[in-house]
Amino acid sequence: MNNFAEIINSSKPVLVDFSAEWCGPCKMMKPILEELKKMVGDTAQILKVDVDQNPSVSRTYQIQSVPTLILFKEGKPVYRQSGVMQATQLKALIEKFS
């Protein structure tokens, strides 16, 4: 994932969902993130990172469990949470850091 640093350095908030194919709760996040995208539109970017396919990025951010959601603003992590979260919670977070 060569352009990861470029993506998270955006002036818009970037929500990164660190997940894995074999993870049940990660599968629950997919429709939640799709709903969130409809709610926030172009005000934020949502990115899914498979920890098995991107081990170096996962190591950099010390991902211990999946799903882990990290909200980046201008390249810096401003919020981090492991586990499933609802779209309304995530929308409020994004608005807080917009």
PDB file of N, CA and C in Angstrom:
ATOM      1  N   MET A   1       0.851  -1.185   0.000  1.00  0.00           N
ATOM      2  CA  MET A   1       0.000   0.000   0.000  1.00  0.00           C
ATOM      3  C   MET A   1       0.887   1.234   0.000  1.00  0.00           C
ATOM      4  N   ASN A   2       1.367   1.600  -1.157  1.00  0.00           N
ATOM      5  CA  ASN A   2       2.345   2.669  -1.292  1.00  0.00           C
ATOM      6  C   ASN A   2       1.758   4.051  -1.049  1.00  0.00           C
ATOM      7  N   ASN A   3       0.500   4.257  -1.423  1.00  0.00           N
ATOM      8  CA  ASN A   3      -0.062   5.596  -1.323  1.00  0.00           C
ATOM      9  C   ASN A   3      -0.804   5.834  -0.012  1.00  0.00           C
ATOM     10  N   PHE A   4      -0.654   4.958   0.967  1.00  0.00           N
ATOM     11  CA  PHE A   4      -1.342   5.106   2.249  1.00  0.00           C
ATOM     12  C   PHE A   4      -1.015   6.441   2.902  1.00  0.00           C
ATOM     13  N   ALA A   5       0.271   6.790   2.944  1.00  0.00           N
ATOM     14  CA  ALA A   5       0.695   8.054   3.564  1.00  0.00           C
ATOM     15  C   ALA A   5       0.065   9.241   2.842  1.00  0.00           C
ATOM     16  N   GLU A   6       0.005   9.179   1.519  1.00  0.00           N
ATOM     17  CA  GLU A   6      -0.616  10.259   0.743  1.00  0.00           C
ATOM     18  C   GLU A   6      -2.088  10.403   1.109  1.00  0.00           C
ATOM     19  N   ILE A   7      -2.779   9.271   1.189  1.00  0.00           N
ATOM     20  CA  ILE A   7      -4.222   9.293   1.471  1.00  0.00           C
ATOM     21  C   ILE A   7      -4.495   9.889   2.844  1.00  0.00           C
ATOM     22  N   ILE A   8      -3.771   9.439   3.875  1.00  0.00           N
ATOM     23  CA  ILE A   8      -4.064   9.925   5.228  1.00  0.00           C
ATOM     24  C   ILE A   8      -3.587  11.359   5.460  1.00  0.00           C
ATOM     25  N   ASN A   9      -2.747  11.888   4.585  1.00  0.00           N
ATOM     26  CA  ASN A   9      -2.295  13.271   4.720  1.00  0.00           C
ATOM     27  C   ASN A   9      -3.288  14.279   4.161  1.00  0.00           C
ATOM     28  N   SER A  10      -4.451  13.817   3.816  1.00  0.00           N
ATOM     29  CA  SER A  10      -5.504  14.672   3.284  1.00  0.00           C
ATOM     30  C   SER A  10      -5.931  15.704   4.330  1.00  0.00           C
ATOM     31  N   SER A  11      -6.394  16.867   3.857  1.00  0.00           N
ATOM     32  CA  SER A  11      -6.928  17.863   4.792  1.00  0.00           C
ATOM     33  C   SER A  11      -8.296  17.421   5.311  1.00  0.00           C
ATOM     34  N   LYS A  12      -8.966  16.538   4.562  1.00  0.00           N
ATOM     35  CA  LYS A  12     -10.234  15.975   5.028  1.00  0.00           C
ATOM     36  C   LYS A  12      -9.934  14.835   5.999  1.00  0.00           C
ATOM     37  N   PRO A  13     -10.826  14.576   6.952  1.00  0.00           N
ATOM     38  CA  PRO A  13     -10.631  13.415   7.823  1.00  0.00           C
ATOM     39  C   PRO A  13     -10.661  12.121   6.999  1.00  0.00           C
ATOM     40  N   VAL A  14      -9.813  11.175   7.364  1.00  0.00           N
ATOM     41  CA  VAL A  14      -9.762   9.871   6.697  1.00  0.00           C
ATOM     42  C   VAL A  14      -9.983   8.799   7.758  1.00  0.00           C
ATOM     43  N   LEU A  15     -11.056   8.041   7.602  1.00  0.00           N
ATOM     44  CA  LEU A  15     -11.353   6.948   8.527  1.00  0.00           C
ATOM     45  C   LEU A  15     -10.804   5.664   7.919  1.00  0.00           C
ATOM     46  N   VAL A  16      -9.893   5.019   8.633  1.00  0.00           N
ATOM     47  CA  VAL A  16      -9.295   3.781   8.142  1.00  0.00           C
ATOM     48  C   VAL A  16      -9.821   2.616   8.976  1.00  0.00           C
ATOM     49  N   ASP A  17     -10.384   1.636   8.277  1.00  0.00           N
ATOM     50  CA  ASP A  17     -10.904   0.429   8.913  1.00  0.00           C
ATOM     51  C   ASP A  17      -9.887  -0.683   8.682  1.00  0.00           C
ATOM     52  N   PHE A  18      -9.130  -1.025   9.719  1.00  0.00           N
ATOM     53  CA  PHE A  18      -8.184  -2.140   9.633  1.00  0.00           C
ATOM     54  C   PHE A  18      -8.980  -3.413   9.906  1.00  0.00           C
ATOM     55  N   SER A  19      -9.017  -4.312   8.918  1.00  0.00           N
ATOM     56  CA  SER A  19      -9.863  -5.498   9.038  1.00  0.00           C
ATOM     57  C   SER A  19      -9.181  -6.710   8.420  1.00  0.00           C
ATOM     58  N   ALA A  20      -9.900  -7.834   8.455  1.00  0.00           N
ATOM     59  CA  ALA A  20      -9.397  -9.075   7.860  1.00  0.00           C
ATOM     60  C   ALA A  20     -10.581  -9.869   7.316  1.00  0.00           C
ATOM     61  N   GLU A  21     -10.316 -10.624   6.264  1.00  0.00           N
ATOM     62  CA  GLU A  21     -11.366 -11.430   5.621  1.00  0.00           C
ATOM     63  C   GLU A  21     -12.000 -12.439   6.577  1.00  0.00           C
ATOM     64  N   TRP A  22     -11.196 -12.994   7.484  1.00  0.00           N
ATOM     65  CA  TRP A  22     -11.660 -14.069   8.355  1.00  0.00           C
ATOM     66  C   TRP A  22     -12.388 -13.558   9.603  1.00  0.00           C
ATOM     67  N   CYS A  23     -12.502 -12.254   9.742  1.00  0.00           N
ATOM     68  CA  CYS A  23     -13.030 -11.636  10.962  1.00  0.00           C
ATOM     69  C   CYS A  23     -14.529 -11.352  10.839  1.00  0.00           C
ATOM     70  N   GLY A  24     -15.326 -11.999  11.688  1.00  0.00           N
ATOM     71  CA  GLY A  24     -16.778 -11.815  11.677  1.00  0.00           C
ATOM     72  C   GLY A  24     -17.213 -10.377  11.928  1.00  0.00           C
ATOM     73  N   PRO A  25     -16.742  -9.744  13.019  1.00  0.00           N
ATOM     74  CA  PRO A  25     -17.127  -8.353  13.267  1.00  0.00           C
ATOM     75  C   PRO A  25     -16.718  -7.406  12.133  1.00  0.00           C
ATOM     76  N   CYS A  26     -15.626  -7.723  11.437  1.00  0.00           N
ATOM     77  CA  CYS A  26     -15.192  -6.885  10.307  1.00  0.00           C
ATOM     78  C   CYS A  26     -16.252  -6.910   9.207  1.00  0.00           C
ATOM     79  N   LYS A  27     -16.846  -8.079   8.992  1.00  0.00           N
ATOM     80  CA  LYS A  27     -17.900  -8.197   7.979  1.00  0.00           C
ATOM     81  C   LYS A  27     -19.110  -7.350   8.368  1.00  0.00           C
ATOM     82  N   MET A  28     -19.350  -7.207   9.676  1.00  0.00           N
ATOM     83  CA  MET A  28     -20.455  -6.369  10.151  1.00  0.00           C
ATOM     84  C   MET A  28     -20.198  -4.891   9.865  1.00  0.00           C
ATOM     85  N   MET A  29     -18.940  -4.503   9.762  1.00  0.00           N
ATOM     86  CA  MET A  29     -18.592  -3.100   9.527  1.00  0.00           C
ATOM     87  C   MET A  29     -18.883  -2.657   8.091  1.00  0.00           C
ATOM     88  N   LYS A  30     -18.879  -3.595   7.142  1.00  0.00           N
ATOM     89  CA  LYS A  30     -19.042  -3.208   5.727  1.00  0.00           C
ATOM     90  C   LYS A  30     -20.319  -2.402   5.480  1.00  0.00           C
ATOM     91  N   PRO A  31     -21.512  -2.913   5.849  1.00  0.00           N
ATOM     92  CA  PRO A  31     -22.713  -2.098   5.607  1.00  0.00           C
ATOM     93  C   PRO A  31     -22.747  -0.816   6.442  1.00  0.00           C
ATOM     94  N   ILE A  32     -22.122  -0.843   7.623  1.00  0.00           N
ATOM     95  CA  ILE A  32     -22.071   0.355   8.476  1.00  0.00           C
ATOM     96  C   ILE A  32     -21.251   1.444   7.778  1.00  0.00           C
ATOM     97  N   LEU A  33     -20.111   1.042   7.200  1.00  0.00           N
ATOM     98  CA  LEU A  33     -19.255   2.013   6.513  1.00  0.00           C
ATOM     99  C   LEU A  33     -19.917   2.517   5.233  1.00  0.00           C
ATOM    100  N   GLU A  34     -20.686   1.659   4.566  1.00  0.00           N
ATOM    101  CA  GLU A  34     -21.422   2.099   3.368  1.00  0.00           C
ATOM    102  C   GLU A  34     -22.476   3.135   3.753  1.00  0.00           C
ATOM    103  N   GLU A  35     -23.157   2.900   4.867  1.00  0.00           N
ATOM    104  CA  GLU A  35     -24.148   3.858   5.372  1.00  0.00           C
ATOM    105  C   GLU A  35     -23.467   5.169   5.758  1.00  0.00           C
ATOM    106  N   LEU A  36     -22.323   5.061   6.428  1.00  0.00           N
ATOM    107  CA  LEU A  36     -21.565   6.239   6.833  1.00  0.00           C
ATOM    108  C   LEU A  36     -21.160   7.071   5.624  1.00  0.00           C
ATOM    109  N   LYS A  37     -20.720   6.415   4.566  1.00  0.00           N
ATOM    110  CA  LYS A  37     -20.288   7.124   3.354  1.00  0.00           C
ATOM    111  C   LYS A  37     -21.440   7.953   2.793  1.00  0.00           C
ATOM    112  N   LYS A  38     -22.656   7.385   2.831  1.00  0.00           N
ATOM    113  CA  LYS A  38     -23.829   8.137   2.353  1.00  0.00           C
ATOM    114  C   LYS A  38     -24.088   9.341   3.245  1.00  0.00           C
ATOM    115  N   MET A  39     -23.820   9.189   4.539  1.00  0.00           N
ATOM    116  CA  MET A  39     -24.071  10.274   5.503  1.00  0.00           C
ATOM    117  C   MET A  39     -23.060  11.411   5.382  1.00  0.00           C
ATOM    118  N   VAL A  40     -21.794  11.071   5.156  1.00  0.00           N
ATOM    119  CA  VAL A  40     -20.742  12.109   5.161  1.00  0.00           C
ATOM    120  C   VAL A  40     -20.358  12.585   3.758  1.00  0.00           C
ATOM    121  N   GLY A  41     -20.719  11.824   2.734  1.00  0.00           N
ATOM    122  CA  GLY A  41     -20.424  12.231   1.360  1.00  0.00           C
ATOM    123  C   GLY A  41     -18.945  12.499   1.147  1.00  0.00           C
ATOM    124  N   ASP A  42     -18.645  13.673   0.608  1.00  0.00           N
ATOM    125  CA  ASP A  42     -17.264  14.029   0.285  1.00  0.00           C
ATOM    126  C   ASP A  42     -16.533  14.742   1.415  1.00  0.00           C
ATOM    127  N   THR A  43     -17.167  14.859   2.588  1.00  0.00           N
ATOM    128  CA  THR A  43     -16.508  15.579   3.683  1.00  0.00           C
ATOM    129  C   THR A  43     -15.410  14.749   4.337  1.00  0.00           C
ATOM    130  N   ALA A  44     -15.408  13.436   4.066  1.00  0.00           N
ATOM    131  CA  ALA A  44     -14.389  12.554   4.641  1.00  0.00           C
ATOM    132  C   ALA A  44     -14.144  11.397   3.688  1.00  0.00           C
ATOM    133  N   GLN A  45     -13.008  10.761   3.872  1.00  0.00           N
ATOM    134  CA  GLN A  45     -12.674   9.590   3.074  1.00  0.00           C
ATOM    135  C   GLN A  45     -12.692   8.365   3.983  1.00  0.00           C
ATOM    136  N   ILE A  46     -13.159   7.248   3.435  1.00  0.00           N
ATOM    137  CA  ILE A  46     -13.201   6.002   4.197  1.00  0.00           C
ATOM    138  C   ILE A  46     -12.350   4.984   3.455  1.00  0.00           C
ATOM    139  N   LEU A  47     -11.440   4.363   4.184  1.00  0.00           N
ATOM    140  CA  LEU A  47     -10.489   3.437   3.577  1.00  0.00           C
ATOM    141  C   LEU A  47     -10.489   2.131   4.366  1.00  0.00           C
ATOM    142  N   LYS A  48     -10.506   1.017   3.649  1.00  0.00           N
ATOM    143  CA  LYS A  48     -10.458  -0.297   4.285  1.00  0.00           C
ATOM    144  C   LYS A  48      -9.070  -0.881   4.035  1.00  0.00           C
ATOM    145  N   VAL A  49      -8.420  -1.342   5.094  1.00  0.00           N
ATOM    146  CA  VAL A  49      -7.081  -1.926   4.964  1.00  0.00           C
ATOM    147  C   VAL A  49      -7.122  -3.349   5.517  1.00  0.00           C
ATOM    148  N   ASP A  50      -6.786  -4.307   4.665  1.00  0.00           N
ATOM    149  CA  ASP A  50      -6.720  -5.707   5.082  1.00  0.00           C
ATOM    150  C   ASP A  50      -5.371  -5.931   5.771  1.00  0.00           C
ATOM    151  N   VAL A  51      -5.421  -6.296   7.055  1.00  0.00           N
ATOM    152  CA  VAL A  51      -4.176  -6.434   7.824  1.00  0.00           C
ATOM    153  C   VAL A  51      -3.283  -7.550   7.304  1.00  0.00           C
ATOM    154  N   ASP A  52      -3.890  -8.593   6.722  1.00  0.00           N
ATOM    155  CA  ASP A  52      -3.095  -9.706   6.195  1.00  0.00           C
ATOM    156  C   ASP A  52      -2.379  -9.325   4.908  1.00  0.00           C
ATOM    157  N   GLN A  53      -2.984  -8.444   4.120  1.00  0.00           N
ATOM    158  CA  GLN A  53      -2.375  -8.034   2.852  1.00  0.00           C
ATOM    159  C   GLN A  53      -1.449  -6.826   3.004  1.00  0.00           C
ATOM    160  N   ASN A  54      -1.556  -6.133   4.131  1.00  0.00           N
ATOM    161  CA  ASN A  54      -0.743  -4.930   4.362  1.00  0.00           C
ATOM    162  C   ASN A  54      -0.069  -4.980   5.731  1.00  0.00           C
ATOM    163  N   PRO A  55       0.803  -5.977   5.946  1.00  0.00           N
ATOM    164  CA  PRO A  55       1.396  -6.136   7.283  1.00  0.00           C
ATOM    165  C   PRO A  55       2.241  -4.950   7.735  1.00  0.00           C
ATOM    166  N   SER A  56       2.901  -4.269   6.822  1.00  0.00           N
ATOM    167  CA  SER A  56       3.772  -3.158   7.247  1.00  0.00           C
ATOM    168  C   SER A  56       2.941  -1.994   7.781  1.00  0.00           C
ATOM    169  N   VAL A  57       1.826  -1.679   7.119  1.00  0.00           N
ATOM    170  CA  VAL A  57       0.946  -0.607   7.602  1.00  0.00           C
ATOM    171  C   VAL A  57       0.362  -1.010   8.956  1.00  0.00           C
ATOM    172  N   SER A  58      -0.029  -2.269   9.074  1.00  0.00           N
ATOM    173  CA  SER A  58      -0.602  -2.773  10.325  1.00  0.00           C
ATOM    174  C   SER A  58       0.410  -2.687  11.466  1.00  0.00           C
ATOM    175  N   ARG A  59       1.676  -3.011  11.166  1.00  0.00           N
ATOM    176  CA  ARG A  59       2.734  -2.916  12.183  1.00  0.00           C
ATOM    177  C   ARG A  59       2.970  -1.464  12.587  1.00  0.00           C
ATOM    178  N   THR A  60       3.011  -0.581  11.596  1.00  0.00           N
ATOM    179  CA  THR A  60       3.250   0.840  11.860  1.00  0.00           C
ATOM    180  C   THR A  60       2.257   1.387  12.879  1.00  0.00           C
ATOM    181  N   TYR A  61       1.000   0.984  12.756  1.00  0.00           N
ATOM    182  CA  TYR A  61      -0.043   1.497  13.646  1.00  0.00           C
ATOM    183  C   TYR A  61      -0.390   0.511  14.767  1.00  0.00           C
ATOM    184  N   GLN A  62       0.446  -0.505  14.941  1.00  0.00           N
ATOM    185  CA  GLN A  62       0.328  -1.477  16.037  1.00  0.00           C
ATOM    186  C   GLN A  62      -1.096  -2.025  16.172  1.00  0.00           C
ATOM    187  N   ILE A  63      -1.610  -2.524  15.062  1.00  0.00           N
ATOM    188  CA  ILE A  63      -2.948  -3.102  15.054  1.00  0.00           C
ATOM    189  C   ILE A  63      -2.883  -4.469  15.726  1.00  0.00           C
ATOM    190  N   GLN A  64      -3.543  -4.596  16.873  1.00  0.00           N
ATOM    191  CA  GLN A  64      -3.540  -5.843  17.648  1.00  0.00           C
ATOM    192  C   GLN A  64      -4.795  -6.666  17.400  1.00  0.00           C
ATOM    193  N   SER A  65      -5.906  -5.979  17.152  1.00  0.00           N
ATOM    194  CA  SER A  65      -7.168  -6.685  16.942  1.00  0.00           C
ATOM    195  C   SER A  65      -7.926  -6.016  15.802  1.00  0.00           C
ATOM    196  N   VAL A  66      -8.807  -6.773  15.190  1.00  0.00           N
ATOM    197  CA  VAL A  66      -9.617  -6.239  14.106  1.00  0.00           C
ATOM    198  C   VAL A  66     -11.094  -6.447  14.444  1.00  0.00           C
ATOM    199  N   PRO A  67     -11.976  -5.559  14.030  1.00  0.00           N
ATOM    200  CA  PRO A  67     -11.656  -4.312  13.327  1.00  0.00           C
ATOM    201  C   PRO A  67     -11.104  -3.250  14.285  1.00  0.00           C
ATOM    202  N   THR A  68     -10.148  -2.484  13.776  1.00  0.00           N
ATOM    203  CA  THR A  68      -9.676  -1.291  14.471  1.00  0.00           C
ATOM    204  C   THR A  68      -9.911  -0.122  13.530  1.00  0.00           C
ATOM    205  N   LEU A  69     -10.556   0.895  14.046  1.00  0.00           N
ATOM    206  CA  LEU A  69     -10.847   2.093  13.258  1.00  0.00           C
ATOM    207  C   LEU A  69      -9.948   3.217  13.749  1.00  0.00           C
ATOM    208  N   ILE A  70      -9.250   3.856  12.814  1.00  0.00           N
ATOM    209  CA  ILE A  70      -8.417   5.006  13.163  1.00  0.00           C
ATOM    210  C   ILE A  70      -8.853   6.168  12.275  1.00  0.00           C
ATOM    211  N   LEU A  71      -9.118   7.303  12.907  1.00  0.00           N
ATOM    212  CA  LEU A  71      -9.454   8.511  12.167  1.00  0.00           C
ATOM    213  C   LEU A  71      -8.203   9.376  12.084  1.00  0.00           C
ATOM    214  N   PHE A  72      -7.803   9.684  10.853  1.00  0.00           N
ATOM    215  CA  PHE A  72      -6.625  10.516  10.609  1.00  0.00           C
ATOM    216  C   PHE A  72      -7.062  11.903  10.163  1.00  0.00           C
ATOM    217  N   LYS A  73      -6.335  12.893  10.619  1.00  0.00           N
ATOM    218  CA  LYS A  73      -6.533  14.269  10.153  1.00  0.00           C
ATOM    219  C   LYS A  73      -5.156  14.811   9.834  1.00  0.00           C
ATOM    220  N   GLU A  74      -4.932  15.145   8.558  1.00  0.00           N
ATOM    221  CA  GLU A  74      -3.638  15.655   8.081  1.00  0.00           C
ATOM    222  C   GLU A  74      -2.489  14.738   8.482  1.00  0.00           C
ATOM    223  N   GLY A  75      -2.723  13.428   8.341  1.00  0.00           N
ATOM    224  CA  GLY A  75      -1.670  12.440   8.563  1.00  0.00           C
ATOM    225  C   GLY A  75      -1.505  11.986   9.998  1.00  0.00           C
ATOM    226  N   LYS A  76      -2.212  12.623  10.934  1.00  0.00           N
ATOM    227  CA  LYS A  76      -2.066  12.256  12.349  1.00  0.00           C
ATOM    228  C   LYS A  76      -3.310  11.517  12.845  1.00  0.00           C
ATOM    229  N   PRO A  77      -3.104  10.417  13.588  1.00  0.00           N
ATOM    230  CA  PRO A  77      -4.262   9.733  14.163  1.00  0.00           C
ATOM    231  C   PRO A  77      -4.869  10.586  15.279  1.00  0.00           C
ATOM    232  N   VAL A  78      -6.169  10.909  15.139  1.00  0.00           N
ATOM    233  CA  VAL A  78      -6.837  11.742  16.138  1.00  0.00           C
ATOM    234  C   VAL A  78      -7.839  10.938  16.970  1.00  0.00           C
ATOM    235  N   TYR A  79      -8.151   9.730  16.513  1.00  0.00           N
ATOM    236  CA  TYR A  79      -9.083   8.870  17.250  1.00  0.00           C
ATOM    237  C   TYR A  79      -8.798   7.430  16.869  1.00  0.00           C
ATOM    238  N   ARG A  80      -8.925   6.530  17.842  1.00  0.00           N
ATOM    239  CA  ARG A  80      -8.683   5.112  17.585  1.00  0.00           C
ATOM    240  C   ARG A  80      -9.620   4.287  18.461  1.00  0.00           C
ATOM    241  N   GLN A  81     -10.238   3.273  17.859  1.00  0.00           N
ATOM    242  CA  GLN A  81     -11.165   2.419  18.591  1.00  0.00           C
ATOM    243  C   GLN A  81     -11.161   1.032  17.950  1.00  0.00           C
ATOM    244  N   SER A  82     -11.135   0.004  18.781  1.00  0.00           N
ATOM    245  CA  SER A  82     -11.261  -1.362  18.269  1.00  0.00           C
ATOM    246  C   SER A  82     -12.701  -1.821  18.469  1.00  0.00           C
ATOM    247  N   GLY A  83     -13.180  -2.618  17.540  1.00  0.00           N
ATOM    248  CA  GLY A  83     -14.531  -3.148  17.650  1.00  0.00           C
ATOM    249  C   GLY A  83     -15.493  -2.452  16.706  1.00  0.00           C
ATOM    250  N   VAL A  84     -16.695  -3.002  16.649  1.00  0.00           N
ATOM    251  CA  VAL A  84     -17.727  -2.485  15.754  1.00  0.00           C
ATOM    252  C   VAL A  84     -18.305  -1.198  16.334  1.00  0.00           C
ATOM    253  N   MET A  85     -18.458  -0.188  15.474  1.00  0.00           N
ATOM    254  CA  MET A  85     -19.095   1.070  15.872  1.00  0.00           C
ATOM    255  C   MET A  85     -20.233   1.362  14.913  1.00  0.00           C
ATOM    256  N   GLN A  86     -21.208   2.110  15.362  1.00  0.00           N
ATOM    257  CA  GLN A  86     -22.352   2.448  14.518  1.00  0.00           C
ATOM    258  C   GLN A  86     -22.041   3.669  13.650  1.00  0.00           C
ATOM    259  N   ALA A  87     -22.740   3.764  12.522  1.00  0.00           N
ATOM    260  CA  ALA A  87     -22.516   4.857  11.572  1.00  0.00           C
ATOM    261  C   ALA A  87     -22.737   6.220  12.217  1.00  0.00           C
ATOM    262  N   THR A  88     -23.752   6.336  13.089  1.00  0.00           N
ATOM    263  CA  THR A  88     -24.031   7.633  13.722  1.00  0.00           C
ATOM    264  C   THR A  88     -22.881   8.065  14.635  1.00  0.00           C
ATOM    265  N   GLN A  89     -22.272   7.097  15.354  1.00  0.00           N
ATOM    266  CA  GLN A  89     -21.123   7.408  16.209  1.00  0.00           C
ATOM    267  C   GLN A  89     -19.950   7.897  15.359  1.00  0.00           C
ATOM    268  N   LEU A  90     -19.716   7.202  14.252  1.00  0.00           N
ATOM    269  CA  LEU A  90     -18.594   7.543  13.375  1.00  0.00           C
ATOM    270  C   LEU A  90     -18.823   8.895  12.705  1.00  0.00           C
ATOM    271  N   LYS A  91     -20.066   9.168  12.325  1.00  0.00           N
ATOM    272  CA  LYS A  91     -20.399  10.457  11.701  1.00  0.00           C
ATOM    273  C   LYS A  91     -20.101  11.593  12.682  1.00  0.00           C
ATOM    274  N   ALA A  92     -20.505  11.424  13.938  1.00  0.00           N
ATOM    275  CA  ALA A  92     -20.254  12.452  14.956  1.00  0.00           C
ATOM    276  C   ALA A  92     -18.755  12.695  15.127  1.00  0.00           C
ATOM    277  N   LEU A  93     -17.985  11.613  15.120  1.00  0.00           N
ATOM    278  CA  LEU A  93     -16.526  11.725  15.231  1.00  0.00           C
ATOM    279  C   LEU A  93     -15.935  12.497  14.072  1.00  0.00           C
ATOM    280  N   ILE A  94     -16.357  12.140  12.871  1.00  0.00           N
ATOM    281  CA  ILE A  94     -15.830  12.802  11.665  1.00  0.00           C
ATOM    282  C   ILE A  94     -16.162  14.286  11.709  1.00  0.00           C
ATOM    283  N   GLU A  95     -17.390  14.617  12.111  1.00  0.00           N
ATOM    284  CA  GLU A  95     -17.791  16.018  12.183  1.00  0.00           C
ATOM    285  C   GLU A  95     -16.958  16.781  13.213  1.00  0.00           C
ATOM    286  N   LYS A  96     -16.618  16.120  14.304  1.00  0.00           N
ATOM    287  CA  LYS A  96     -15.811  16.730  15.350  1.00  0.00           C
ATOM    288  C   LYS A  96     -14.435  17.156  14.824  1.00  0.00           C
ATOM    289  N   PHE A  97     -13.886  16.354  13.904  1.00  0.00           N
ATOM    290  CA  PHE A  97     -12.530  16.624  13.391  1.00  0.00           C
ATOM    291  C   PHE A  97     -12.520  17.233  11.984  1.00  0.00           C
ATOM    292  N   SER A  98     -13.687  17.598  11.465  1.00  0.00           N
ATOM    293  CA  SER A  98     -13.743  18.196  10.117  1.00  0.00           C
ATOM    294  C   SER A  98     -13.268  19.634  10.135  1.00  0.00           C
TER     295      SER A  98
END
